[in-house]
Amino acid sequence: MRKDGKLDYLEMAAGNGSIDSVKAFYSAAFGWTFTDYGPSYSAFAEGLDGGFDGATPPGSKPLPVLFSTDLEKSLETVTNAGGKIVKPIFSFPGGRRFHFTDPAGNELAIWAEV
């Protein structure tokens, strides 16, 4: 069950713009299966849901994604607590989200269903 402010998803870079090698590795090493969302994004549901993004530069840090039932309220709460918004609210297939950094410079995202 999804809950406000809890880790819900982990997004990782696929590296070279093609996710085929990353999918092949995780399939062979751990038996993971994937759902593709276009040519450069593939999701997994292997304990914690997540996805590989082929459009993210190689070597990028993983992106922890939290859940929200009220995205605008979460944005306000993050801002009031001292977080810095680095990507304002935007839509993606299945929902909307924004990205922020915490005081240590860690980037996270918060998403809500459409």
PDB file of N, CA and C in Angstrom:
ATOM      1  N   MET A   1       0.834  -1.174   0.000  1.00  0.00           N
ATOM      2  CA  MET A   1       0.000   0.000   0.000  1.00  0.00           C
ATOM      3  C   MET A   1       0.884   1.244   0.000  1.00  0.00           C
ATOM      4  N   ARG A   2       0.611   2.145  -0.894  1.00  0.00           N
ATOM      5  CA  ARG A   2       1.394   3.377  -0.992  1.00  0.00           C
ATOM      6  C   ARG A   2       1.003   4.332   0.131  1.00  0.00           C
ATOM      7  N   LYS A   3       2.036   4.985   0.714  1.00  0.00           N
ATOM      8  CA  LYS A   3       1.801   5.919   1.808  1.00  0.00           C
ATOM      9  C   LYS A   3       2.571   7.203   1.558  1.00  0.00           C
ATOM     10  N   ASP A   4       1.985   8.325   1.960  1.00  0.00           N
ATOM     11  CA  ASP A   4       2.630   9.627   1.820  1.00  0.00           C
ATOM     12  C   ASP A   4       4.014   9.626   2.461  1.00  0.00           C
ATOM     13  N   GLY A   5       4.983  10.162   1.728  1.00  0.00           N
ATOM     14  CA  GLY A   5       6.319  10.367   2.252  1.00  0.00           C
ATOM     15  C   GLY A   5       7.171   9.129   2.392  1.00  0.00           C
ATOM     16  N   LYS A   6       6.709   7.979   1.911  1.00  0.00           N
ATOM     17  CA  LYS A   6       7.473   6.741   2.018  1.00  0.00           C
ATOM     18  C   LYS A   6       8.142   6.416   0.684  1.00  0.00           C
ATOM     19  N   LEU A   7       9.317   5.776   0.753  1.00  0.00           N
ATOM     20  CA  LEU A   7       9.983   5.346  -0.469  1.00  0.00           C
ATOM     21  C   LEU A   7       9.060   4.435  -1.252  1.00  0.00           C
ATOM     22  N   ASP A   8       8.938   4.710  -2.552  1.00  0.00           N
ATOM     23  CA  ASP A   8       7.989   3.989  -3.377  1.00  0.00           C
ATOM     24  C   ASP A   8       8.609   3.451  -4.660  1.00  0.00           C
ATOM     25  N   TYR A   9       9.753   4.022  -5.086  1.00  0.00           N
ATOM     26  CA  TYR A   9      10.290   3.716  -6.400  1.00  0.00           C
ATOM     27  C   TYR A   9      11.756   4.105  -6.414  1.00  0.00           C
ATOM     28  N   LEU A  10      12.568   3.405  -7.185  1.00  0.00           N
ATOM     29  CA  LEU A  10      13.975   3.746  -7.339  1.00  0.00           C
ATOM     30  C   LEU A  10      14.298   3.798  -8.818  1.00  0.00           C
ATOM     31  N   GLU A  11      14.717   4.966  -9.275  1.00  0.00           N
ATOM     32  CA  GLU A  11      15.047   5.148 -10.686  1.00  0.00           C
ATOM     33  C   GLU A  11      16.561   5.203 -10.833  1.00  0.00           C
ATOM     34  N   MET A  12      17.080   4.441 -11.796  1.00  0.00           N
ATOM     35  CA  MET A  12      18.522   4.381 -12.013  1.00  0.00           C
ATOM     36  C   MET A  12      18.850   4.630 -13.477  1.00  0.00           C
ATOM     37  N   ALA A  13      20.052   5.117 -13.707  1.00  0.00           N
ATOM     38  CA  ALA A  13      20.516   5.370 -15.078  1.00  0.00           C
ATOM     39  C   ALA A  13      20.794   4.051 -15.778  1.00  0.00           C
ATOM     40  N   ALA A  14      20.501   4.014 -17.069  1.00  0.00           N
ATOM     41  CA  ALA A  14      20.832   2.840 -17.877  1.00  0.00           C
ATOM     42  C   ALA A  14      22.177   3.020 -18.561  1.00  0.00           C
ATOM     43  N   GLY A  15      22.715   4.226 -18.514  1.00  0.00           N
ATOM     44  CA  GLY A  15      24.063   4.441 -19.026  1.00  0.00           C
ATOM     45  C   GLY A  15      24.141   4.975 -20.427  1.00  0.00           C
ATOM     46  N   ASN A  16      24.387   4.112 -21.368  1.00  0.00           N
ATOM     47  CA  ASN A  16      24.758   4.530 -22.714  1.00  0.00           C
ATOM     48  C   ASN A  16      23.589   4.909 -23.611  1.00  0.00           C
ATOM     49  N   GLY A  17      22.413   5.121 -23.051  1.00  0.00           N
ATOM     50  CA  GLY A  17      21.267   5.492 -23.866  1.00  0.00           C
ATOM     51  C   GLY A  17      20.473   4.295 -24.355  1.00  0.00           C
ATOM     52  N   SER A  18      21.028   3.104 -24.234  1.00  0.00           N
ATOM     53  CA  SER A  18      20.322   1.882 -24.594  1.00  0.00           C
ATOM     54  C   SER A  18      20.199   1.024 -23.347  1.00  0.00           C
ATOM     55  N   ILE A  19      19.004   0.640 -23.023  1.00  0.00           N
ATOM     56  CA  ILE A  19      18.809  -0.114 -21.789  1.00  0.00           C
ATOM     57  C   ILE A  19      18.904  -1.626 -21.992  1.00  0.00           C
ATOM     58  N   ASP A  20      19.091  -2.079 -23.234  1.00  0.00           N
ATOM     59  CA  ASP A  20      19.107  -3.513 -23.500  1.00  0.00           C
ATOM     60  C   ASP A  20      20.162  -4.262 -22.688  1.00  0.00           C
ATOM     61  N   SER A  21      21.370  -3.719 -22.578  1.00  0.00           N
ATOM     62  CA  SER A  21      22.428  -4.421 -21.840  1.00  0.00           C
ATOM     63  C   SER A  21      22.136  -4.454 -20.345  1.00  0.00           C
ATOM     64  N   VAL A  22      21.548  -3.400 -19.821  1.00  0.00           N
ATOM     65  CA  VAL A  22      21.201  -3.361 -18.399  1.00  0.00           C
ATOM     66  C   VAL A  22      20.108  -4.381 -18.107  1.00  0.00           C
ATOM     67  N   LYS A  23      19.085  -4.421 -18.964  1.00  0.00           N
ATOM     68  CA  LYS A  23      18.011  -5.400 -18.786  1.00  0.00           C
ATOM     69  C   LYS A  23      18.559  -6.820 -18.885  1.00  0.00           C
ATOM     70  N   ALA A  24      19.429  -7.067 -19.840  1.00  0.00           N
ATOM     71  CA  ALA A  24      20.004  -8.405 -20.005  1.00  0.00           C
ATOM     72  C   ALA A  24      20.787  -8.814 -18.754  1.00  0.00           C
ATOM     73  N   PHE A  25      21.559  -7.883 -18.197  1.00  0.00           N
ATOM     74  CA  PHE A  25      22.336  -8.179 -16.994  1.00  0.00           C
ATOM     75  C   PHE A  25      21.422  -8.566 -15.833  1.00  0.00           C
ATOM     76  N   TYR A  26      20.447  -7.728 -15.513  1.00  0.00           N
ATOM     77  CA  TYR A  26      19.580  -7.997 -14.356  1.00  0.00           C
ATOM     78  C   TYR A  26      18.696  -9.229 -14.580  1.00  0.00           C
ATOM     79  N   SER A  27      18.328  -9.492 -15.812  1.00  0.00           N
ATOM     80  CA  SER A  27      17.576 -10.706 -16.124  1.00  0.00           C
ATOM     81  C   SER A  27      18.441 -11.951 -15.874  1.00  0.00           C
ATOM     82  N   ALA A  28      19.675 -11.921 -16.374  1.00  0.00           N
ATOM     83  CA  ALA A  28      20.569 -13.068 -16.223  1.00  0.00           C
ATOM     84  C   ALA A  28      21.028 -13.254 -14.778  1.00  0.00           C
ATOM     85  N   ALA A  29      21.369 -12.156 -14.108  1.00  0.00           N
ATOM     86  CA  ALA A  29      21.919 -12.256 -12.754  1.00  0.00           C
ATOM     87  C   ALA A  29      20.864 -12.554 -11.697  1.00  0.00           C
ATOM     88  N   PHE A  30      19.657 -11.985 -11.851  1.00  0.00           N
ATOM     89  CA  PHE A  30      18.667 -12.070 -10.777  1.00  0.00           C
ATOM     90  C   PHE A  30      17.280 -12.517 -11.220  1.00  0.00           C
ATOM     91  N   GLY A  31      17.101 -12.771 -12.519  1.00  0.00           N
ATOM     92  CA  GLY A  31      15.797 -13.209 -13.012  1.00  0.00           C
ATOM     93  C   GLY A  31      14.751 -12.116 -13.092  1.00  0.00           C
ATOM     94  N   TRP A  32      15.191 -10.859 -13.117  1.00  0.00           N
ATOM     95  CA  TRP A  32      14.239  -9.745 -13.176  1.00  0.00           C
ATOM     96  C   TRP A  32      13.508  -9.721 -14.515  1.00  0.00           C
ATOM     97  N   THR A  33      12.272  -9.223 -14.488  1.00  0.00           N
ATOM     98  CA  THR A  33      11.494  -8.988 -15.700  1.00  0.00           C
ATOM     99  C   THR A  33      11.184  -7.497 -15.772  1.00  0.00           C
ATOM    100  N   PHE A  34      10.871  -7.035 -16.972  1.00  0.00           N
ATOM    101  CA  PHE A  34      10.726  -5.599 -17.208  1.00  0.00           C
ATOM    102  C   PHE A  34       9.477  -5.277 -18.002  1.00  0.00           C
ATOM    103  N   THR A  35       8.997  -4.048 -17.823  1.00  0.00           N
ATOM    104  CA  THR A  35       7.930  -3.476 -18.634  1.00  0.00           C
ATOM    105  C   THR A  35       8.506  -2.236 -19.296  1.00  0.00           C
ATOM    106  N   ASP A  36       8.523  -2.210 -20.619  1.00  0.00           N
ATOM    107  CA  ASP A  36       9.090  -1.077 -21.347  1.00  0.00           C
ATOM    108  C   ASP A  36       8.060   0.038 -21.506  1.00  0.00           C
ATOM    109  N   TYR A  37       8.547   1.259 -21.338  1.00  0.00           N
ATOM    110  CA  TYR A  37       7.753   2.471 -21.566  1.00  0.00           C
ATOM    111  C   TYR A  37       8.525   3.331 -22.559  1.00  0.00           C
ATOM    112  N   GLY A  38       8.403   3.000 -23.807  1.00  0.00           N
ATOM    113  CA  GLY A  38       9.155   3.692 -24.844  1.00  0.00           C
ATOM    114  C   GLY A  38      10.526   3.073 -25.016  1.00  0.00           C
ATOM    115  N   PRO A  39      11.339   3.652 -25.905  1.00  0.00           N
ATOM    116  CA  PRO A  39      12.628   3.055 -26.254  1.00  0.00           C
ATOM    117  C   PRO A  39      13.723   3.256 -25.204  1.00  0.00           C
ATOM    118  N   SER A  40      13.524   4.181 -24.244  1.00  0.00           N
ATOM    119  CA  SER A  40      14.622   4.464 -23.320  1.00  0.00           C
ATOM    120  C   SER A  40      14.251   4.326 -21.851  1.00  0.00           C
ATOM    121  N   TYR A  41      13.120   3.669 -21.552  1.00  0.00           N
ATOM    122  CA  TYR A  41      12.742   3.499 -20.153  1.00  0.00           C
ATOM    123  C   TYR A  41      12.138   2.120 -19.947  1.00  0.00           C
ATOM    124  N   SER A  42      12.572   1.450 -18.895  1.00  0.00           N
ATOM    125  CA  SER A  42      12.055   0.130 -18.575  1.00  0.00           C
ATOM    126  C   SER A  42      11.901  -0.002 -17.070  1.00  0.00           C
ATOM    127  N   ALA A  43      10.721  -0.433 -16.640  1.00  0.00           N
ATOM    128  CA  ALA A  43      10.408  -0.544 -15.214  1.00  0.00           C
ATOM    129  C   ALA A  43      10.540  -1.986 -14.748  1.00  0.00           C
ATOM    130  N   PHE A  44      10.782  -2.138 -13.434  1.00  0.00           N
ATOM    131  CA  PHE A  44      10.833  -3.448 -12.807  1.00  0.00           C
ATOM    132  C   PHE A  44      10.025  -3.428 -11.519  1.00  0.00           C
ATOM    133  N   ALA A  45       9.603  -4.590 -11.091  1.00  0.00           N
ATOM    134  CA  ALA A  45       8.884  -4.755  -9.817  1.00  0.00           C
ATOM    135  C   ALA A  45       9.531  -5.941  -9.112  1.00  0.00           C
ATOM    136  N   GLU A  46      10.614  -5.666  -8.419  1.00  0.00           N
ATOM    137  CA  GLU A  46      11.432  -6.728  -7.828  1.00  0.00           C
ATOM    138  C   GLU A  46      11.695  -6.453  -6.352  1.00  0.00           C
ATOM    139  N   GLY A  47      10.663  -6.361  -5.550  1.00  0.00           N
ATOM    140  CA  GLY A  47      10.781  -6.007  -4.136  1.00  0.00           C
ATOM    141  C   GLY A  47      10.384  -4.557  -3.967  1.00  0.00           C
ATOM    142  N   LEU A  48      11.226  -3.659  -4.402  1.00  0.00           N
ATOM    143  CA  LEU A  48      10.912  -2.241  -4.512  1.00  0.00           C
ATOM    144  C   LEU A  48      10.765  -1.954  -5.996  1.00  0.00           C
ATOM    145  N   ASP A  49       9.669  -1.347  -6.397  1.00  0.00           N
ATOM    146  CA  ASP A  49       9.487  -0.997  -7.808  1.00  0.00           C
ATOM    147  C   ASP A  49      10.543   0.017  -8.217  1.00  0.00           C
ATOM    148  N   GLY A  50      10.878   0.004  -9.493  1.00  0.00           N
ATOM    149  CA  GLY A  50      11.857   0.949  -9.995  1.00  0.00           C
ATOM    150  C   GLY A  50      11.938   0.906 -11.498  1.00  0.00           C
ATOM    151  N   GLY A  51      12.919   1.615 -12.040  1.00  0.00           N
ATOM    152  CA  GLY A  51      13.089   1.642 -13.473  1.00  0.00           C
ATOM    153  C   GLY A  51      14.483   2.090 -13.865  1.00  0.00           C
ATOM    154  N   PHE A  52      14.840   1.761 -15.092  1.00  0.00           N
ATOM    155  CA  PHE A  52      16.092   2.207 -15.685  1.00  0.00           C
ATOM    156  C   PHE A  52      15.768   3.225 -16.761  1.00  0.00           C
ATOM    157  N   ASP A  53      16.471   4.356 -16.720  1.00  0.00           N
ATOM    158  CA  ASP A  53      16.234   5.448 -17.655  1.00  0.00           C
ATOM    159  C   ASP A  53      17.437   5.597 -18.573  1.00  0.00           C
ATOM    160  N   GLY A  54      17.235   5.290 -19.847  1.00  0.00           N
ATOM    161  CA  GLY A  54      18.307   5.401 -20.826  1.00  0.00           C
ATOM    162  C   GLY A  54      18.659   6.823 -21.192  1.00  0.00           C
ATOM    163  N   ALA A  55      17.813   7.784 -20.817  1.00  0.00           N
ATOM    164  CA  ALA A  55      18.082   9.186 -21.121  1.00  0.00           C
ATOM    165  C   ALA A  55      18.904   9.863 -20.022  1.00  0.00           C
ATOM    166  N   THR A  56      19.128   9.173 -18.907  1.00  0.00           N
ATOM    167  CA  THR A  56      19.918   9.728 -17.805  1.00  0.00           C
ATOM    168  C   THR A  56      21.394   9.495 -18.092  1.00  0.00           C
ATOM    169  N   PRO A  57      22.231  10.510 -17.887  1.00  0.00           N
ATOM    170  CA  PRO A  57      23.661  10.362 -18.193  1.00  0.00           C
ATOM    171  C   PRO A  57      24.305   9.216 -17.415  1.00  0.00           C
ATOM    172  N   PRO A  58      25.280   8.534 -18.030  1.00  0.00           N
ATOM    173  CA  PRO A  58      25.995   7.458 -17.333  1.00  0.00           C
ATOM    174  C   PRO A  58      26.612   7.967 -16.032  1.00  0.00           C
ATOM    175  N   GLY A  59      26.627   7.122 -15.024  1.00  0.00           N
ATOM    176  CA  GLY A  59      27.236   7.485 -13.751  1.00  0.00           C
ATOM    177  C   GLY A  59      26.356   8.332 -12.846  1.00  0.00           C
ATOM    178  N   SER A  60      25.145   8.637 -13.275  1.00  0.00           N
ATOM    179  CA  SER A  60      24.241   9.407 -12.429  1.00  0.00           C
ATOM    180  C   SER A  60      23.860   8.594 -11.202  1.00  0.00           C
ATOM    181  N   LYS A  61      23.598   9.283 -10.102  1.00  0.00           N
ATOM    182  CA  LYS A  61      23.192   8.615  -8.870  1.00  0.00           C
ATOM    183  C   LYS A  61      21.763   8.101  -9.014  1.00  0.00           C
ATOM    184  N   PRO A  62      21.434   7.017  -8.308  1.00  0.00           N
ATOM    185  CA  PRO A  62      20.037   6.560  -8.282  1.00  0.00           C
ATOM    186  C   PRO A  62      19.139   7.657  -7.718  1.00  0.00           C
ATOM    187  N   LEU A  63      17.885   7.660  -8.155  1.00  0.00           N
ATOM    188  CA  LEU A  63      16.915   8.657  -7.723  1.00  0.00           C
ATOM    189  C   LEU A  63      15.841   7.988  -6.863  1.00  0.00           C
ATOM    190  N   PRO A  64      15.889   8.168  -5.536  1.00  0.00           N
ATOM    191  CA  PRO A  64      14.802   7.665  -4.702  1.00  0.00           C
ATOM    192  C   PRO A  64      13.544   8.496  -4.962  1.00  0.00           C
ATOM    193  N   VAL A  65      12.403   7.812  -5.061  1.00  0.00           N
ATOM    194  CA  VAL A  65      11.141   8.484  -5.344  1.00  0.00           C
ATOM    195  C   VAL A  65      10.155   8.170  -4.222  1.00  0.00           C
ATOM    196  N   LEU A  66       9.619   9.214  -3.617  1.00  0.00           N
ATOM    197  CA  LEU A  66       8.624   9.086  -2.561  1.00  0.00           C
ATOM    198  C   LEU A  66       7.233   9.231  -3.161  1.00  0.00           C
ATOM    199  N   PHE A  67       6.223   8.799  -2.429  1.00  0.00           N
ATOM    200  CA  PHE A  67       4.839   8.876  -2.896  1.00  0.00           C
ATOM    201  C   PHE A  67       4.100   9.998  -2.165  1.00  0.00           C
ATOM    202  N   SER A  68       3.107  10.570  -2.849  1.00  0.00           N
ATOM    203  CA  SER A  68       2.256  11.606  -2.256  1.00  0.00           C
ATOM    204  C   SER A  68       0.827  11.465  -2.767  1.00  0.00           C
ATOM    205  N   THR A  69      -0.130  11.721  -1.897  1.00  0.00           N
ATOM    206  CA  THR A  69      -1.524  11.781  -2.338  1.00  0.00           C
ATOM    207  C   THR A  69      -1.899  13.207  -2.718  1.00  0.00           C
ATOM    208  N   ASP A  70      -1.064  14.195  -2.352  1.00  0.00           N
ATOM    209  CA  ASP A  70      -1.319  15.603  -2.661  1.00  0.00           C
ATOM    210  C   ASP A  70       0.015  16.247  -3.036  1.00  0.00           C
ATOM    211  N   LEU A  71       0.323  16.232  -4.324  1.00  0.00           N
ATOM    212  CA  LEU A  71       1.635  16.662  -4.799  1.00  0.00           C
ATOM    213  C   LEU A  71       1.922  18.131  -4.482  1.00  0.00           C
ATOM    214  N   GLU A  72       0.931  18.982  -4.675  1.00  0.00           N
ATOM    215  CA  GLU A  72       1.137  20.413  -4.390  1.00  0.00           C
ATOM    216  C   GLU A  72       1.442  20.642  -2.910  1.00  0.00           C
ATOM    217  N   LYS A  73       0.748  19.932  -2.036  1.00  0.00           N
ATOM    218  CA  LYS A  73       1.009  20.062  -0.602  1.00  0.00           C
ATOM    219  C   LYS A  73       2.409  19.554  -0.272  1.00  0.00           C
ATOM    220  N   SER A  74       2.821  18.447  -0.894  1.00  0.00           N
ATOM    221  CA  SER A  74       4.162  17.914  -0.654  1.00  0.00           C
ATOM    222  C   SER A  74       5.234  18.892  -1.117  1.00  0.00           C
ATOM    223  N   LEU A  75       5.013  19.532  -2.256  1.00  0.00           N
ATOM    224  CA  LEU A  75       5.965  20.535  -2.748  1.00  0.00           C
ATOM    225  C   LEU A  75       6.089  21.679  -1.739  1.00  0.00           C
ATOM    226  N   GLU A  76       4.974  22.133  -1.226  1.00  0.00           N
ATOM    227  CA  GLU A  76       4.989  23.207  -0.227  1.00  0.00           C
ATOM    228  C   GLU A  76       5.716  22.763   1.046  1.00  0.00           C
ATOM    229  N   THR A  77       5.445  21.557   1.500  1.00  0.00           N
ATOM    230  CA  THR A  77       6.078  21.034   2.711  1.00  0.00           C
ATOM    231  C   THR A  77       7.583  20.918   2.539  1.00  0.00           C
ATOM    232  N   VAL A  78       8.018  20.382   1.390  1.00  0.00           N
ATOM    233  CA  VAL A  78       9.449  20.248   1.115  1.00  0.00           C
ATOM    234  C   VAL A  78      10.115  21.617   1.087  1.00  0.00           C
ATOM    235  N   THR A  79       9.497  22.563   0.416  1.00  0.00           N
ATOM    236  CA  THR A  79      10.047  23.922   0.323  1.00  0.00           C
ATOM    237  C   THR A  79      10.140  24.571   1.709  1.00  0.00           C
ATOM    238  N   ASN A  80       9.068  24.459   2.493  1.00  0.00           N
ATOM    239  CA  ASN A  80       9.047  25.050   3.836  1.00  0.00           C
ATOM    240  C   ASN A  80      10.074  24.414   4.766  1.00  0.00           C
ATOM    241  N   ALA A  81      10.421  23.157   4.517  1.00  0.00           N
ATOM    242  CA  ALA A  81      11.405  22.465   5.345  1.00  0.00           C
ATOM    243  C   ALA A  81      12.844  22.766   4.916  1.00  0.00           C
ATOM    244  N   GLY A  82      13.017  23.493   3.820  1.00  0.00           N
ATOM    245  CA  GLY A  82      14.356  23.864   3.373  1.00  0.00           C
ATOM    246  C   GLY A  82      14.851  23.122   2.152  1.00  0.00           C
ATOM    247  N   GLY A  83      13.985  22.296   1.537  1.00  0.00           N
ATOM    248  CA  GLY A  83      14.383  21.619   0.309  1.00  0.00           C
ATOM    249  C   GLY A  83      14.403  22.592  -0.858  1.00  0.00           C
ATOM    250  N   LYS A  84      15.249  22.310  -1.845  1.00  0.00           N
ATOM    251  CA  LYS A  84      15.345  23.163  -3.035  1.00  0.00           C
ATOM    252  C   LYS A  84      14.725  22.413  -4.212  1.00  0.00           C
ATOM    253  N   ILE A  85      13.728  23.008  -4.847  1.00  0.00           N
ATOM    254  CA  ILE A  85      13.082  22.395  -6.001  1.00  0.00           C
ATOM    255  C   ILE A  85      14.015  22.520  -7.201  1.00  0.00           C
ATOM    256  N   VAL A  86      14.379  21.387  -7.800  1.00  0.00           N
ATOM    257  CA  VAL A  86      15.278  21.411  -8.953  1.00  0.00           C
ATOM    258  C   VAL A  86      14.555  21.069 -10.253  1.00  0.00           C
ATOM    259  N   LYS A  87      13.377  20.444 -10.171  1.00  0.00           N
ATOM    260  CA  LYS A  87      12.496  20.220 -11.322  1.00  0.00           C
ATOM    261  C   LYS A  87      11.071  20.419 -10.822  1.00  0.00           C
ATOM    262  N   PRO A  88      10.404  21.478 -11.274  1.00  0.00           N
ATOM    263  CA  PRO A  88       9.022  21.705 -10.844  1.00  0.00           C
ATOM    264  C   PRO A  88       8.108  20.566 -11.295  1.00  0.00           C
ATOM    265  N   ILE A  89       6.904  20.553 -10.802  1.00  0.00           N
ATOM    266  CA  ILE A  89       5.943  19.495 -11.119  1.00  0.00           C
ATOM    267  C   ILE A  89       5.809  19.331 -12.633  1.00  0.00           C
ATOM    268  N   PHE A  90       5.899  18.082 -13.073  1.00  0.00           N
ATOM    269  CA  PHE A  90       5.716  17.741 -14.485  1.00  0.00           C
ATOM    270  C   PHE A  90       4.973  16.419 -14.580  1.00  0.00           C
ATOM    271  N   SER A  91       4.371  16.177 -15.732  1.00  0.00           N
ATOM    272  CA  SER A  91       3.631  14.939 -15.978  1.00  0.00           C
ATOM    273  C   SER A  91       4.517  13.905 -16.650  1.00  0.00           C
ATOM    274  N   PHE A  92       4.225  12.648 -16.391  1.00  0.00           N
ATOM    275  CA  PHE A  92       4.868  11.516 -17.059  1.00  0.00           C
ATOM    276  C   PHE A  92       3.809  10.421 -17.157  1.00  0.00           C
ATOM    277  N   PRO A  93       4.037   9.381 -17.953  1.00  0.00           N
ATOM    278  CA  PRO A  93       3.012   8.335 -18.070  1.00  0.00           C
ATOM    279  C   PRO A  93       2.676   7.726 -16.706  1.00  0.00           C
ATOM    280  N   GLY A  94       1.442   7.912 -16.263  1.00  0.00           N
ATOM    281  CA  GLY A  94       0.994   7.339 -14.996  1.00  0.00           C
ATOM    282  C   GLY A  94       0.943   8.292 -13.829  1.00  0.00           C
ATOM    283  N   GLY A  95       1.441   9.517 -14.000  1.00  0.00           N
ATOM    284  CA  GLY A  95       1.407  10.419 -12.857  1.00  0.00           C
ATOM    285  C   GLY A  95       2.063  11.758 -13.108  1.00  0.00           C
ATOM    286  N   ARG A  96       2.371  12.409 -12.000  1.00  0.00           N
ATOM    287  CA  ARG A  96       3.090  13.688 -12.004  1.00  0.00           C
ATOM    288  C   ARG A  96       4.117  13.631 -10.883  1.00  0.00           C
ATOM    289  N   ARG A  97       5.191  14.415 -11.016  1.00  0.00           N
ATOM    290  CA  ARG A  97       6.198  14.448  -9.964  1.00  0.00           C
ATOM    291  C   ARG A  97       7.007  15.725 -10.017  1.00  0.00           C
ATOM    292  N   PHE A  98       7.796  15.933  -8.962  1.00  0.00           N
ATOM    293  CA  PHE A  98       8.792  16.998  -8.941  1.00  0.00           C
ATOM    294  C   PHE A  98      10.047  16.449  -8.284  1.00  0.00           C
ATOM    295  N   HIS A  99      11.183  17.121  -8.540  1.00  0.00           N
ATOM    296  CA  HIS A  99      12.459  16.729  -7.954  1.00  0.00           C
ATOM    297  C   HIS A  99      12.924  17.834  -7.017  1.00  0.00           C
ATOM    298  N   PHE A 100      13.636  17.435  -5.968  1.00  0.00           N
ATOM    299  CA  PHE A 100      14.184  18.398  -5.024  1.00  0.00           C
ATOM    300  C   PHE A 100      15.505  17.883  -4.471  1.00  0.00           C
ATOM    301  N   THR A 101      16.268  18.782  -3.874  1.00  0.00           N
ATOM    302  CA  THR A 101      17.467  18.372  -3.147  1.00  0.00           C
ATOM    303  C   THR A 101      17.256  18.675  -1.670  1.00  0.00           C
ATOM    304  N   ASP A 102      17.828  17.804  -0.849  1.00  0.00           N
ATOM    305  CA  ASP A 102      17.783  18.009   0.593  1.00  0.00           C
ATOM    306  C   ASP A 102      18.983  18.876   0.991  1.00  0.00           C
ATOM    307  N   PRO A 103      19.127  19.253   2.271  1.00  0.00           N
ATOM    308  CA  PRO A 103      20.247  20.108   2.675  1.00  0.00           C
ATOM    309  C   PRO A 103      21.632  19.511   2.405  1.00  0.00           C
ATOM    310  N   ALA A 104      21.730  18.182   2.258  1.00  0.00           N
ATOM    311  CA  ALA A 104      23.021  17.555   1.964  1.00  0.00           C
ATOM    312  C   ALA A 104      23.299  17.469   0.468  1.00  0.00           C
ATOM    313  N   GLY A 105      22.328  17.914  -0.356  1.00  0.00           N
ATOM    314  CA  GLY A 105      22.515  17.885  -1.800  1.00  0.00           C
ATOM    315  C   GLY A 105      22.015  16.619  -2.480  1.00  0.00           C
ATOM    316  N   ASN A 106      21.382  15.714  -1.729  1.00  0.00           N
ATOM    317  CA  ASN A 106      20.814  14.501  -2.327  1.00  0.00           C
ATOM    318  C   ASN A 106      19.574  14.861  -3.126  1.00  0.00           C
ATOM    319  N   GLU A 107      19.474  14.350  -4.351  1.00  0.00           N
ATOM    320  CA  GLU A 107      18.281  14.591  -5.162  1.00  0.00           C
ATOM    321  C   GLU A 107      17.288  13.455  -4.958  1.00  0.00           C
ATOM    322  N   LEU A 108      16.041  13.830  -4.728  1.00  0.00           N
ATOM    323  CA  LEU A 108      14.934  12.895  -4.602  1.00  0.00           C
ATOM    324  C   LEU A 108      13.784  13.422  -5.436  1.00  0.00           C
ATOM    325  N   ALA A 109      12.768  12.587  -5.602  1.00  0.00           N
ATOM    326  CA  ALA A 109      11.558  13.010  -6.308  1.00  0.00           C
ATOM    327  C   ALA A 109      10.355  12.596  -5.469  1.00  0.00           C
ATOM    328  N   ILE A 110       9.259  13.270  -5.686  1.00  0.00           N
ATOM    329  CA  ILE A 110       7.975  12.881  -5.103  1.00  0.00           C
ATOM    330  C   ILE A 110       6.970  12.791  -6.237  1.00  0.00           C
ATOM    331  N   TRP A 111       6.198  11.698  -6.268  1.00  0.00           N
ATOM    332  CA  TRP A 111       5.239  11.493  -7.341  1.00  0.00           C
ATOM    333  C   TRP A 111       3.854  11.265  -6.780  1.00  0.00           C
ATOM    334  N   ALA A 112       2.871  11.523  -7.616  1.00  0.00           N
ATOM    335  CA  ALA A 112       1.468  11.254  -7.306  1.00  0.00           C
ATOM    336  C   ALA A 112       0.805  10.666  -8.543  1.00  0.00           C
ATOM    337  N   GLU A 113      -0.168   9.803  -8.318  1.00  0.00           N
ATOM    338  CA  GLU A 113      -0.922   9.252  -9.437  1.00  0.00           C
ATOM    339  C   GLU A 113      -1.767  10.348 -10.072  1.00  0.00           C
ATOM    340  N   VAL A 114      -2.108  10.156 -11.345  1.00  0.00           N
ATOM    341  CA  VAL A 114      -2.911  11.153 -12.049  1.00  0.00           C
ATOM    342  C   VAL A 114      -4.284  11.220 -11.441  1.00  0.00           C
TER     343      VAL A 114
END
